[in-house]
């Protein structure tokens, strides 16, 4: 309930009408990496993690990938803090993240890109 992947996972399970059945089997953990570790250990049959996290493990396999059309939007916004002591550097970093080079890295590791207007 406190981490984004858990919130997104529960929302999708609710949309599919599965949450009421599965909620008693849910074991909350503090992060996606912790969920991945529990699945890797064999102590649970399945877990909900991001595809990008599952891809780094040699000990799990993806058995279901939620179609983008069914998934709740997963958005990680980035912004510069008002009053930043390093506004120029932060601005350059934001420009870099919005650029083609950084975009290609995100796509390479399985992320979809949204523009500020999406």
Protein backbone atom coordinates (compact mmCIF):
# COMPACT_ATOMS: atom_id res chain seq x y z
CA UNK A 1 0.00 0.00 0.00
CA UNK A 2 2.95 2.36 0.49
CA UNK A 3 5.09 1.78 -2.59
CA UNK A 4 4.15 2.61 -6.19
CA UNK A 5 4.38 -0.96 -7.55
CA UNK A 6 2.07 -2.19 -4.81
CA UNK A 7 -0.42 0.59 -5.47
CA UNK A 8 -0.33 -0.04 -9.24
CA UNK A 9 -0.51 -3.81 -8.78
CA UNK A 10 -3.50 -3.63 -6.46
CA UNK A 11 -5.28 -1.22 -8.76
CA UNK A 12 -4.84 -3.60 -11.70
CA UNK A 13 -5.96 -6.60 -9.65
CA UNK A 14 -9.07 -4.65 -8.59
CA UNK A 15 -9.79 -3.74 -12.23
CA UNK A 16 -9.58 -7.42 -13.12
CA UNK A 17 -11.85 -8.45 -10.23
CA UNK A 18 -9.02 -10.44 -8.61
CA UNK A 19 -8.11 -8.42 -5.54
CA UNK A 20 -10.76 -9.81 -3.19
CA UNK A 21 -9.62 -13.35 -3.96
CA UNK A 22 -5.90 -12.63 -3.71
CA UNK A 23 -5.68 -10.04 -0.92
CA UNK A 24 -5.38 -12.69 1.81
CA UNK A 25 -2.37 -14.14 -0.01
CA UNK A 26 -0.65 -10.76 -0.47
CA UNK A 27 2.53 -10.24 1.53
CA UNK A 28 3.47 -6.57 1.70
CA UNK A 29 7.14 -5.70 1.34
CA UNK A 30 8.98 -2.39 1.39
CA UNK A 31 10.00 -2.22 -2.28
CA UNK A 32 9.88 -3.85 -5.70
CA UNK A 33 13.37 -5.21 -5.17
CA UNK A 34 12.23 -6.82 -1.91
CA UNK A 35 9.29 -8.41 -3.75
CA UNK A 36 11.68 -9.67 -6.39
CA UNK A 37 13.97 -11.13 -3.72
CA UNK A 38 11.08 -12.98 -2.07
CA UNK A 39 10.09 -14.53 -5.40
CA UNK A 40 13.73 -15.40 -6.16
CA UNK A 41 13.99 -17.16 -2.81
CA UNK A 42 11.14 -19.49 -3.70
CA UNK A 43 9.19 -18.51 -0.58
CA UNK A 44 6.23 -17.33 -2.69
CA UNK A 45 4.77 -18.54 -5.94
CA UNK A 46 4.52 -15.14 -7.62
CA UNK A 47 5.01 -11.45 -7.13
CA UNK A 48 4.16 -8.20 -8.84
CA UNK A 49 7.22 -6.31 -9.96
CA UNK A 50 8.14 -4.01 -12.80
CA UNK A 51 9.26 -5.72 -15.99
CA UNK A 52 12.52 -3.78 -15.79
CA UNK A 53 13.23 -5.30 -12.37
CA UNK A 54 12.26 -8.83 -13.42
CA UNK A 55 14.59 -8.49 -16.41
CA UNK A 56 17.65 -8.17 -14.16
CA UNK A 57 16.98 -11.50 -12.45
CA UNK A 58 18.12 -14.85 -13.76
CA UNK A 59 15.99 -16.66 -11.15
CA UNK A 60 12.49 -15.48 -12.09
CA UNK A 61 10.45 -15.56 -15.24
CA UNK A 62 7.71 -13.27 -16.38
CA UNK A 63 4.48 -15.24 -16.58
CA UNK A 64 2.14 -12.33 -17.23
CA UNK A 65 2.86 -8.89 -18.57
CA UNK A 66 0.01 -6.46 -18.00
CA UNK A 67 -0.87 -4.85 -21.34
CA UNK A 68 -0.20 -1.12 -21.37
CA UNK A 69 -3.84 -0.56 -22.34
CA UNK A 70 -4.96 -2.24 -19.08
CA UNK A 71 -2.28 -0.91 -16.76
CA UNK A 72 -2.76 2.07 -14.53
CA UNK A 73 -0.45 4.82 -15.75
CA UNK A 74 2.95 4.47 -14.08
CA UNK A 75 4.56 7.86 -14.06
CA UNK A 76 7.77 8.99 -12.45
CA UNK A 77 7.81 12.79 -12.77
CA UNK A 78 10.92 14.88 -12.48
CA UNK A 79 11.07 18.56 -11.60
CA UNK A 80 13.47 21.17 -10.33
CA UNK A 81 12.93 22.40 -6.79
CA UNK A 82 11.99 26.03 -6.42
CA UNK A 83 14.85 27.91 -4.82
CA UNK A 84 17.44 25.31 -5.81
CA UNK A 85 21.00 26.39 -5.09
CA UNK A 86 22.03 24.52 -8.23
CA UNK A 87 19.32 25.65 -10.65
CA UNK A 88 21.62 25.81 -13.68
CA UNK A 89 22.92 22.26 -13.15
CA UNK A 90 19.41 20.99 -12.43
CA UNK A 91 18.17 22.63 -15.60
CA UNK A 92 20.92 20.96 -17.64
CA UNK A 93 20.08 17.62 -16.05
CA UNK A 94 16.38 18.00 -16.90
CA UNK A 95 17.31 18.91 -20.48
CA UNK A 96 19.51 15.81 -20.65
CA UNK A 97 16.70 13.58 -19.39
CA UNK A 98 14.36 14.98 -22.05
CA UNK A 99 16.92 14.44 -24.80
CA UNK A 100 17.28 11.65 -27.33
CA UNK A 101 20.36 10.08 -25.72
CA UNK A 102 18.70 9.62 -22.32
CA UNK A 103 15.46 8.55 -24.02
CA UNK A 104 17.30 5.81 -25.87
CA UNK A 105 18.73 4.52 -22.58
CA UNK A 106 15.28 4.46 -20.97
CA UNK A 107 13.82 2.56 -23.93
CA UNK A 108 16.77 0.14 -23.95
CA UNK A 109 15.92 -0.82 -20.36
CA UNK A 110 12.22 -1.30 -21.04
CA UNK A 111 10.68 2.05 -20.16
CA UNK A 112 8.07 3.83 -22.26
CA UNK A 113 8.51 7.56 -22.70
CA UNK A 114 5.86 10.20 -22.25
CA UNK A 115 6.20 13.83 -23.19
CA UNK A 116 5.14 16.70 -20.98
CA UNK A 117 1.92 16.89 -23.01
CA UNK A 118 0.97 13.18 -22.57
